[in-house]
């Protein structure tokens, strides 16, 4: 759909651009490479004020991970629904 401009100056593209000469362009050519190397997280303004840069955020998160790992008792592994994969006899309803 072509957009009509009331004033020719509103069109920011210069008349010298000739897109018919461009050949071989591939949309999204580098998208996989970009996504694999990017992990962007948007912080709320109140949280962002507490951290001056990415190093401060990473340091705080690593500290939080260490604390969380120390607080966790050793549990048997869980499946994707959060159920224990270890079955104990009489653990389910109706079983003795």
PDB file of N, CA and C in Angstrom:
ATOM      1  N   UNK A   1       0.844  -1.163   0.000  1.00  0.00           N
ATOM      2  CA  UNK A   1       0.000   0.000   0.000  1.00  0.00           C
ATOM      3  C   UNK A   1       0.893   1.230   0.000  1.00  0.00           C
ATOM      4  N   UNK A   2       0.706   2.099  -0.954  1.00  0.00           N
ATOM      5  CA  UNK A   2       1.533   3.278  -1.101  1.00  0.00           C
ATOM      6  C   UNK A   2       0.915   4.432  -0.335  1.00  0.00           C
ATOM      7  N   UNK A   3       1.748   5.123   0.423  1.00  0.00           N
ATOM      8  CA  UNK A   3       1.265   6.234   1.223  1.00  0.00           C
ATOM      9  C   UNK A   3       1.426   7.525   0.432  1.00  0.00           C
ATOM     10  N   UNK A   4       0.394   8.293   0.384  1.00  0.00           N
ATOM     11  CA  UNK A   4       0.439   9.578  -0.315  1.00  0.00           C
ATOM     12  C   UNK A   4       0.840  10.660   0.676  1.00  0.00           C
ATOM     13  N   UNK A   5       1.702  11.553   0.248  1.00  0.00           N
ATOM     14  CA  UNK A   5       2.164  12.636   1.088  1.00  0.00           C
ATOM     15  C   UNK A   5       1.539  13.947   0.622  1.00  0.00           C
ATOM     16  N   UNK A   6       1.051  14.729   1.583  1.00  0.00           N
ATOM     17  CA  UNK A   6       0.498  16.035   1.245  1.00  0.00           C
ATOM     18  C   UNK A   6       1.617  16.960   0.780  1.00  0.00           C
ATOM     19  N   UNK A   7       2.752  16.846   1.421  1.00  0.00           N
ATOM     20  CA  UNK A   7       3.886  17.672   1.089  1.00  0.00           C
ATOM     21  C   UNK A   7       5.024  16.746   0.685  1.00  0.00           C
ATOM     22  N   UNK A   8       5.653  17.017  -0.428  1.00  0.00           N
ATOM     23  CA  UNK A   8       6.713  16.141  -0.916  1.00  0.00           C
ATOM     24  C   UNK A   8       7.875  16.048   0.079  1.00  0.00           C
ATOM     25  N   UNK A   9       8.087  17.053   0.905  1.00  0.00           N
ATOM     26  CA  UNK A   9       9.174  17.069   1.870  1.00  0.00           C
ATOM     27  C   UNK A   9       8.941  16.083   3.019  1.00  0.00           C
ATOM     28  N   UNK A  10       7.717  15.605   3.209  1.00  0.00           N
ATOM     29  CA  UNK A  10       7.433  14.639   4.259  1.00  0.00           C
ATOM     30  C   UNK A  10       8.075  13.288   3.954  1.00  0.00           C
ATOM     31  N   UNK A  11       8.280  12.991   2.683  1.00  0.00           N
ATOM     32  CA  UNK A  11       8.922  11.744   2.289  1.00  0.00           C
ATOM     33  C   UNK A  11      10.410  11.873   2.566  1.00  0.00           C
ATOM     34  N   UNK A  12      10.943  11.086   3.518  1.00  0.00           N
ATOM     35  CA  UNK A  12      12.323  11.219   3.937  1.00  0.00           C
ATOM     36  C   UNK A  12      13.315  10.548   2.985  1.00  0.00           C
ATOM     37  N   UNK A  13      12.838   9.674   2.108  1.00  0.00           N
ATOM     38  CA  UNK A  13      13.741   9.000   1.178  1.00  0.00           C
ATOM     39  C   UNK A  13      14.150   9.952   0.062  1.00  0.00           C
ATOM     40  N   UNK A  14      15.412   9.938  -0.252  1.00  0.00           N
ATOM     41  CA  UNK A  14      15.902  10.784  -1.333  1.00  0.00           C
ATOM     42  C   UNK A  14      15.524  10.182  -2.675  1.00  0.00           C
ATOM     43  N   UNK A  15      15.346  11.026  -3.630  1.00  0.00           N
ATOM     44  CA  UNK A  15      14.946  10.554  -4.962  1.00  0.00           C
ATOM     45  C   UNK A  15      16.052   9.752  -5.633  1.00  0.00           C
ATOM     46  N   UNK A  16      17.301   9.884  -5.141  1.00  0.00           N
ATOM     47  CA  UNK A  16      18.423   9.158  -5.732  1.00  0.00           C
ATOM     48  C   UNK A  16      18.388   7.663  -5.434  1.00  0.00           C
ATOM     49  N   UNK A  17      17.623   7.269  -4.426  1.00  0.00           N
ATOM     50  CA  UNK A  17      17.572   5.853  -4.080  1.00  0.00           C
ATOM     51  C   UNK A  17      16.813   5.097  -5.160  1.00  0.00           C
ATOM     52  N   UNK A  18      17.463   4.071  -5.711  1.00  0.00           N
ATOM     53  CA  UNK A  18      16.831   3.266  -6.738  1.00  0.00           C
ATOM     54  C   UNK A  18      16.805   1.825  -6.240  1.00  0.00           C
ATOM     55  N   UNK A  19      15.695   1.446  -5.633  1.00  0.00           N
ATOM     56  CA  UNK A  19      15.591   0.129  -5.028  1.00  0.00           C
ATOM     57  C   UNK A  19      15.506  -0.990  -6.061  1.00  0.00           C
ATOM     58  N   UNK A  20      15.214  -0.665  -7.289  1.00  0.00           N
ATOM     59  CA  UNK A  20      15.171  -1.711  -8.315  1.00  0.00           C
ATOM     60  C   UNK A  20      16.569  -2.253  -8.613  1.00  0.00           C
ATOM     61  N   UNK A  21      17.616  -1.482  -8.260  1.00  0.00           N
ATOM     62  CA  UNK A  21      18.983  -1.935  -8.483  1.00  0.00           C
ATOM     63  C   UNK A  21      19.465  -2.883  -7.386  1.00  0.00           C
ATOM     64  N   UNK A  22      18.777  -2.911  -6.260  1.00  0.00           N
ATOM     65  CA  UNK A  22      19.164  -3.797  -5.162  1.00  0.00           C
ATOM     66  C   UNK A  22      18.688  -5.208  -5.473  1.00  0.00           C
ATOM     67  N   UNK A  23      19.609  -6.142  -5.431  1.00  0.00           N
ATOM     68  CA  UNK A  23      19.248  -7.516  -5.718  1.00  0.00           C
ATOM     69  C   UNK A  23      19.860  -8.445  -4.685  1.00  0.00           C
ATOM     70  N   UNK A  24      19.228  -9.565  -4.442  1.00  0.00           N
ATOM     71  CA  UNK A  24      19.784 -10.587  -3.579  1.00  0.00           C
ATOM     72  C   UNK A  24      19.587 -10.364  -2.096  1.00  0.00           C
ATOM     73  N   UNK A  25      18.807  -9.393  -1.726  1.00  0.00           N
ATOM     74  CA  UNK A  25      18.558  -9.155  -0.308  1.00  0.00           C
ATOM     75  C   UNK A  25      17.702 -10.270   0.280  1.00  0.00           C
ATOM     76  N   UNK A  26      18.054 -10.690   1.489  1.00  0.00           N
ATOM     77  CA  UNK A  26      17.314 -11.755   2.157  1.00  0.00           C
ATOM     78  C   UNK A  26      16.832 -11.219   3.496  1.00  0.00           C
ATOM     79  N   UNK A  27      15.530 -11.215   3.690  1.00  0.00           N
ATOM     80  CA  UNK A  27      14.979 -10.723   4.942  1.00  0.00           C
ATOM     81  C   UNK A  27      15.307 -11.698   6.077  1.00  0.00           C
ATOM     82  N   UNK A  28      15.798 -11.160   7.193  1.00  0.00           N
ATOM     83  CA  UNK A  28      16.094 -11.983   8.357  1.00  0.00           C
ATOM     84  C   UNK A  28      17.348 -12.826   8.217  1.00  0.00           C
ATOM     85  N   UNK A  29      18.244 -12.436   7.336  1.00  0.00           N
ATOM     86  CA  UNK A  29      19.436 -13.231   7.059  1.00  0.00           C
ATOM     87  C   UNK A  29      20.268 -13.484   8.317  1.00  0.00           C
ATOM     88  N   UNK A  30      20.356 -12.509   9.199  1.00  0.00           N
ATOM     89  CA  UNK A  30      21.197 -12.629  10.389  1.00  0.00           C
ATOM     90  C   UNK A  30      20.401 -12.758  11.679  1.00  0.00           C
ATOM     91  N   UNK A  31      19.109 -13.004  11.584  1.00  0.00           N
ATOM     92  CA  UNK A  31      18.275 -13.018  12.789  1.00  0.00           C
ATOM     93  C   UNK A  31      18.676 -14.127  13.761  1.00  0.00           C
ATOM     94  N   UNK A  32      19.021 -15.312  13.289  1.00  0.00           N
ATOM     95  CA  UNK A  32      19.421 -16.404  14.188  1.00  0.00           C
ATOM     96  C   UNK A  32      20.724 -16.076  14.908  1.00  0.00           C
ATOM     97  N   UNK A  33      21.676 -15.505  14.179  1.00  0.00           N
ATOM     98  CA  UNK A  33      22.941 -15.116  14.786  1.00  0.00           C
ATOM     99  C   UNK A  33      22.708 -14.041  15.850  1.00  0.00           C
ATOM    100  N   UNK A  34      21.838 -13.097  15.554  1.00  0.00           N
ATOM    101  CA  UNK A  34      21.521 -12.025  16.500  1.00  0.00           C
ATOM    102  C   UNK A  34      20.868 -12.582  17.763  1.00  0.00           C
ATOM    103  N   UNK A  35      19.875 -13.438  17.588  1.00  0.00           N
ATOM    104  CA  UNK A  35      19.150 -13.984  18.736  1.00  0.00           C
ATOM    105  C   UNK A  35      20.043 -14.862  19.611  1.00  0.00           C
ATOM    106  N   UNK A  36      20.956 -15.593  19.020  1.00  0.00           N
ATOM    107  CA  UNK A  36      21.803 -16.484  19.813  1.00  0.00           C
ATOM    108  C   UNK A  36      22.772 -15.718  20.690  1.00  0.00           C
ATOM    109  N   UNK A  37      23.140 -14.517  20.297  1.00  0.00           N
ATOM    110  CA  UNK A  37      24.100 -13.747  21.071  1.00  0.00           C
ATOM    111  C   UNK A  37      23.477 -12.632  21.878  1.00  0.00           C
ATOM    112  N   UNK A  38      22.156 -12.604  21.989  1.00  0.00           N
ATOM    113  CA  UNK A  38      21.476 -11.505  22.655  1.00  0.00           C
ATOM    114  C   UNK A  38      20.571 -12.021  23.751  1.00  0.00           C
ATOM    115  N   UNK A  39      20.667 -11.392  24.897  1.00  0.00           N
ATOM    116  CA  UNK A  39      19.774 -11.703  26.002  1.00  0.00           C
ATOM    117  C   UNK A  39      19.460 -10.386  26.700  1.00  0.00           C
ATOM    118  N   UNK A  40      18.451  -9.705  26.220  1.00  0.00           N
ATOM    119  CA  UNK A  40      18.100  -8.392  26.737  1.00  0.00           C
ATOM    120  C   UNK A  40      16.918  -8.526  27.678  1.00  0.00           C
ATOM    121  N   UNK A  41      17.032  -7.867  28.830  1.00  0.00           N
ATOM    122  CA  UNK A  41      15.958  -7.859  29.813  1.00  0.00           C
ATOM    123  C   UNK A  41      15.637  -6.408  30.126  1.00  0.00           C
ATOM    124  N   UNK A  42      14.375  -6.062  30.106  1.00  0.00           N
ATOM    125  CA  UNK A  42      13.956  -4.700  30.409  1.00  0.00           C
ATOM    126  C   UNK A  42      13.619  -4.608  31.889  1.00  0.00           C
ATOM    127  N   UNK A  43      14.324  -3.728  32.597  1.00  0.00           N
ATOM    128  CA  UNK A  43      14.096  -3.544  34.025  1.00  0.00           C
ATOM    129  C   UNK A  43      13.083  -2.432  34.248  1.00  0.00           C
ATOM    130  N   UNK A  44      12.253  -2.584  35.257  1.00  0.00           N
ATOM    131  CA  UNK A  44      11.356  -1.506  35.650  1.00  0.00           C
ATOM    132  C   UNK A  44      12.197  -0.351  36.169  1.00  0.00           C
ATOM    133  N   UNK A  45      11.712   0.875  36.046  1.00  0.00           N
ATOM    134  CA  UNK A  45      12.503   2.042  36.436  1.00  0.00           C
ATOM    135  C   UNK A  45      13.010   1.997  37.878  1.00  0.00           C
ATOM    136  N   UNK A  46      12.184   1.526  38.808  1.00  0.00           N
ATOM    137  CA  UNK A  46      12.629   1.480  40.205  1.00  0.00           C
ATOM    138  C   UNK A  46      13.763   0.485  40.407  1.00  0.00           C
ATOM    139  N   UNK A  47      13.758  -0.610  39.674  1.00  0.00           N
ATOM    140  CA  UNK A  47      14.829  -1.595  39.767  1.00  0.00           C
ATOM    141  C   UNK A  47      16.080  -1.058  39.081  1.00  0.00           C
ATOM    142  N   UNK A  48      15.917  -0.423  37.936  1.00  0.00           N
ATOM    143  CA  UNK A  48      17.050   0.110  37.181  1.00  0.00           C
ATOM    144  C   UNK A  48      17.816   1.160  37.978  1.00  0.00           C
ATOM    145  N   UNK A  49      17.136   1.910  38.834  1.00  0.00           N
ATOM    146  CA  UNK A  49      17.814   2.924  39.647  1.00  0.00           C
ATOM    147  C   UNK A  49      18.817   2.297  40.612  1.00  0.00           C
ATOM    148  N   UNK A  50      18.564   1.068  41.020  1.00  0.00           N
ATOM    149  CA  UNK A  50      19.442   0.400  41.987  1.00  0.00           C
ATOM    150  C   UNK A  50      20.718  -0.134  41.340  1.00  0.00           C
ATOM    151  N   UNK A  51      20.745  -0.252  40.020  1.00  0.00           N
ATOM    152  CA  UNK A  51      21.884  -0.848  39.334  1.00  0.00           C
ATOM    153  C   UNK A  51      22.426   0.119  38.278  1.00  0.00           C
ATOM    154  N   UNK A  52      23.665   0.582  38.457  1.00  0.00           N
ATOM    155  CA  UNK A  52      24.215   1.550  37.512  1.00  0.00           C
ATOM    156  C   UNK A  52      24.598   0.957  36.151  1.00  0.00           C
ATOM    157  N   UNK A  53      24.836  -0.367  36.102  1.00  0.00           N
ATOM    158  CA  UNK A  53      25.256  -0.971  34.827  1.00  0.00           C
ATOM    159  C   UNK A  53      24.981  -2.475  34.843  1.00  0.00           C
ATOM    160  N   UNK A  54      25.317  -3.134  33.737  1.00  0.00           N
ATOM    161  CA  UNK A  54      25.053  -4.570  33.618  1.00  0.00           C
ATOM    162  C   UNK A  54      25.891  -5.398  34.584  1.00  0.00           C
ATOM    163  N   UNK A  55      27.094  -4.956  34.907  1.00  0.00           N
ATOM    164  CA  UNK A  55      27.922  -5.694  35.857  1.00  0.00           C
ATOM    165  C   UNK A  55      27.259  -5.758  37.229  1.00  0.00           C
ATOM    166  N   UNK A  56      26.645  -4.656  37.650  1.00  0.00           N
ATOM    167  CA  UNK A  56      25.977  -4.623  38.952  1.00  0.00           C
ATOM    168  C   UNK A  56      24.780  -5.565  38.975  1.00  0.00           C
ATOM    169  N   UNK A  57      24.042  -5.620  37.880  1.00  0.00           N
ATOM    170  CA  UNK A  57      22.895  -6.526  37.791  1.00  0.00           C
ATOM    171  C   UNK A  57      23.369  -7.974  37.855  1.00  0.00           C
ATOM    172  N   UNK A  58      24.395  -8.306  37.077  1.00  0.00           N
ATOM    173  CA  UNK A  58      24.916  -9.679  37.068  1.00  0.00           C
ATOM    174  C   UNK A  58      25.458 -10.080  38.436  1.00  0.00           C
ATOM    175  N   UNK A  59      26.161  -9.174  39.099  1.00  0.00           N
ATOM    176  CA  UNK A  59      26.705  -9.472  40.418  1.00  0.00           C
ATOM    177  C   UNK A  59      25.585  -9.754  41.419  1.00  0.00           C
ATOM    178  N   UNK A  60      24.536  -8.943  41.379  1.00  0.00           N
ATOM    179  CA  UNK A  60      23.407  -9.143  42.293  1.00  0.00           C
ATOM    180  C   UNK A  60      22.691 -10.460  42.005  1.00  0.00           C
ATOM    181  N   UNK A  61      22.507 -10.787  40.739  1.00  0.00           N
ATOM    182  CA  UNK A  61      21.829 -12.033  40.394  1.00  0.00           C
ATOM    183  C   UNK A  61      22.665 -13.253  40.767  1.00  0.00           C
ATOM    184  N   UNK A  62      23.976 -13.176  40.591  1.00  0.00           N
ATOM    185  CA  UNK A  62      24.839 -14.296  40.997  1.00  0.00           C
ATOM    186  C   UNK A  62      24.791 -14.515  42.503  1.00  0.00           C
ATOM    187  N   UNK A  63      24.777 -13.411  43.261  1.00  0.00           N
ATOM    188  CA  UNK A  63      24.664 -13.509  44.714  1.00  0.00           C
ATOM    189  C   UNK A  63      23.331 -14.137  45.103  1.00  0.00           C
ATOM    190  N   UNK A  64      22.269 -13.726  44.437  1.00  0.00           N
ATOM    191  CA  UNK A  64      20.951 -14.295  44.698  1.00  0.00           C
ATOM    192  C   UNK A  64      20.919 -15.790  44.388  1.00  0.00           C
ATOM    193  N   UNK A  65      21.559 -16.199  43.309  1.00  0.00           N
ATOM    194  CA  UNK A  65      21.638 -17.624  42.967  1.00  0.00           C
ATOM    195  C   UNK A  65      22.372 -18.414  44.040  1.00  0.00           C
ATOM    196  N   UNK A  66      23.482 -17.874  44.541  1.00  0.00           N
ATOM    197  CA  UNK A  66      24.230 -18.563  45.594  1.00  0.00           C
ATOM    198  C   UNK A  66      23.381 -18.719  46.850  1.00  0.00           C
ATOM    199  N   UNK A  67      22.684 -17.665  47.219  1.00  0.00           N
ATOM    200  CA  UNK A  67      21.828 -17.720  48.407  1.00  0.00           C
ATOM    201  C   UNK A  67      20.718 -18.744  48.212  1.00  0.00           C
ATOM    202  N   UNK A  68      20.095 -18.734  47.060  1.00  0.00           N
ATOM    203  CA  UNK A  68      18.997 -19.667  46.779  1.00  0.00           C
ATOM    204  C   UNK A  68      19.490 -21.111  46.809  1.00  0.00           C
ATOM    205  N   UNK A  69      20.676 -21.360  46.278  1.00  0.00           N
ATOM    206  CA  UNK A  69      21.215 -22.721  46.265  1.00  0.00           C
ATOM    207  C   UNK A  69      21.532 -23.201  47.677  1.00  0.00           C
ATOM    208  N   UNK A  70      21.975 -22.308  48.551  1.00  0.00           N
ATOM    209  CA  UNK A  70      22.259 -22.687  49.934  1.00  0.00           C
ATOM    210  C   UNK A  70      20.972 -22.960  50.708  1.00  0.00           C
ATOM    211  N   UNK A  71      19.906 -22.259  50.370  1.00  0.00           N
ATOM    212  CA  UNK A  71      18.639 -22.394  51.080  1.00  0.00           C
ATOM    213  C   UNK A  71      17.864 -23.635  50.679  1.00  0.00           C
ATOM    214  N   UNK A  72      18.121 -24.155  49.483  1.00  0.00           N
ATOM    215  CA  UNK A  72      17.372 -25.305  48.978  1.00  0.00           C
ATOM    216  C   UNK A  72      17.856 -26.600  49.609  1.00  0.00           C
ATOM    217  N   UNK A  73      16.938 -27.339  50.245  1.00  0.00           N
ATOM    218  CA  UNK A  73      17.325 -28.681  50.686  1.00  0.00           C
ATOM    219  C   UNK A  73      17.454 -29.577  49.459  1.00  0.00           C
ATOM    220  N   UNK A  74      18.138 -30.671  49.609  1.00  0.00           N
ATOM    221  CA  UNK A  74      18.288 -31.600  48.488  1.00  0.00           C
ATOM    222  C   UNK A  74      16.982 -32.326  48.246  1.00  0.00           C
ATOM    223  N   UNK A  75      16.376 -32.050  47.119  1.00  0.00           N
ATOM    224  CA  UNK A  75      15.125 -32.690  46.715  1.00  0.00           C
ATOM    225  C   UNK A  75      15.401 -33.617  45.547  1.00  0.00           C
ATOM    226  N   UNK A  76      14.581 -34.663  45.416  1.00  0.00           N
ATOM    227  CA  UNK A  76      14.725 -35.502  44.217  1.00  0.00           C
ATOM    228  C   UNK A  76      14.350 -34.685  42.987  1.00  0.00           C
ATOM    229  N   UNK A  77      14.831 -35.068  41.836  1.00  0.00           N
ATOM    230  CA  UNK A  77      14.528 -34.327  40.610  1.00  0.00           C
ATOM    231  C   UNK A  77      13.021 -34.276  40.343  1.00  0.00           C
ATOM    232  N   UNK A  78      12.579 -33.181  39.739  1.00  0.00           N
ATOM    233  CA  UNK A  78      11.166 -32.986  39.415  1.00  0.00           C
ATOM    234  C   UNK A  78      10.963 -33.123  37.910  1.00  0.00           C
ATOM    235  N   UNK A  79       9.745 -33.545  37.528  1.00  0.00           N
ATOM    236  CA  UNK A  79       9.421 -33.589  36.113  1.00  0.00           C
ATOM    237  C   UNK A  79       8.930 -32.213  35.680  1.00  0.00           C
ATOM    238  N   UNK A  80       8.501 -32.087  34.412  1.00  0.00           N
ATOM    239  CA  UNK A  80       8.097 -30.782  33.882  1.00  0.00           C
ATOM    240  C   UNK A  80       6.863 -30.218  34.572  1.00  0.00           C
ATOM    241  N   UNK A  81       6.101 -31.033  35.282  1.00  0.00           N
ATOM    242  CA  UNK A  81       4.918 -30.562  35.998  1.00  0.00           C
ATOM    243  C   UNK A  81       5.208 -30.307  37.477  1.00  0.00           C
ATOM    244  N   UNK A  82       6.461 -30.437  37.867  1.00  0.00           N
ATOM    245  CA  UNK A  82       6.835 -30.178  39.249  1.00  0.00           C
ATOM    246  C   UNK A  82       6.597 -31.349  40.179  1.00  0.00           C
ATOM    247  N   UNK A  83       6.412 -32.541  39.620  1.00  0.00           N
ATOM    248  CA  UNK A  83       6.201 -33.735  40.452  1.00  0.00           C
ATOM    249  C   UNK A  83       7.519 -34.456  40.649  1.00  0.00           C
ATOM    250  N   UNK A  84       7.683 -35.033  41.811  1.00  0.00           N
ATOM    251  CA  UNK A  84       8.899 -35.778  42.094  1.00  0.00           C
ATOM    252  C   UNK A  84       8.951 -37.020  41.222  1.00  0.00           C
ATOM    253  N   UNK A  85      10.142 -37.312  40.724  1.00  0.00           N
ATOM    254  CA  UNK A  85      10.292 -38.512  39.887  1.00  0.00           C
ATOM    255  C   UNK A  85      10.588 -39.739  40.746  1.00  0.00           C
ATOM    256  N   UNK A  86      10.709 -39.547  42.061  1.00  0.00           N
ATOM    257  CA  UNK A  86      10.956 -40.660  42.970  1.00  0.00           C
ATOM    258  C   UNK A  86       9.626 -41.088  43.567  1.00  0.00           C
ATOM    259  N   UNK A  87       9.281 -42.365  43.423  1.00  0.00           N
ATOM    260  CA  UNK A  87       8.019 -42.885  43.940  1.00  0.00           C
ATOM    261  C   UNK A  87       8.281 -43.615  45.249  1.00  0.00           C
ATOM    262  N   UNK A  88       7.492 -43.245  46.250  1.00  0.00           N
ATOM    263  CA  UNK A  88       7.595 -43.912  47.558  1.00  0.00           C
ATOM    264  C   UNK A  88       6.366 -44.765  47.729  1.00  0.00           C
ATOM    265  N   UNK A  89       6.547 -46.022  48.128  1.00  0.00           N
ATOM    266  CA  UNK A  89       5.423 -46.963  48.317  1.00  0.00           C
ATOM    267  C   UNK A  89       4.372 -46.355  49.245  1.00  0.00           C
ATOM    268  N   UNK A  90       3.118 -46.396  48.820  1.00  0.00           N
ATOM    269  CA  UNK A  90       2.023 -45.862  49.621  1.00  0.00           C
ATOM    270  C   UNK A  90       1.921 -44.349  49.540  1.00  0.00           C
ATOM    271  N   UNK A  91       2.613 -43.767  48.594  1.00  0.00           N
ATOM    272  CA  UNK A  91       2.658 -42.317  48.455  1.00  0.00           C
ATOM    273  C   UNK A  91       1.421 -41.774  47.740  1.00  0.00           C
ATOM    274  N   UNK A  92       0.749 -42.605  46.987  1.00  0.00           N
ATOM    275  CA  UNK A  92      -0.392 -42.141  46.205  1.00  0.00           C
ATOM    276  C   UNK A  92      -1.693 -42.545  46.882  1.00  0.00           C
ATOM    277  N   UNK A  93      -2.752 -41.797  46.583  1.00  0.00           N
ATOM    278  CA  UNK A  93      -4.067 -42.084  47.173  1.00  0.00           C
ATOM    279  C   UNK A  93      -4.528 -43.490  46.851  1.00  0.00           C
ATOM    280  N   UNK A  94      -5.139 -44.134  47.821  1.00  0.00           N
ATOM    281  CA  UNK A  94      -5.697 -45.466  47.602  1.00  0.00           C
ATOM    282  C   UNK A  94      -4.674 -46.575  47.723  1.00  0.00           C
ATOM    283  N   UNK A  95      -3.419 -46.265  47.932  1.00  0.00           N
ATOM    284  CA  UNK A  95      -2.390 -47.283  48.067  1.00  0.00           C
ATOM    285  C   UNK A  95      -1.937 -47.354  49.519  1.00  0.00           C
ATOM    286  N   UNK A  96      -1.585 -48.500  49.930  1.00  0.00           N
ATOM    287  CA  UNK A  96      -1.136 -48.674  51.317  1.00  0.00           C
ATOM    288  C   UNK A  96       0.301 -49.049  51.376  1.00  0.00           C
TER     289      UNK A  96
END
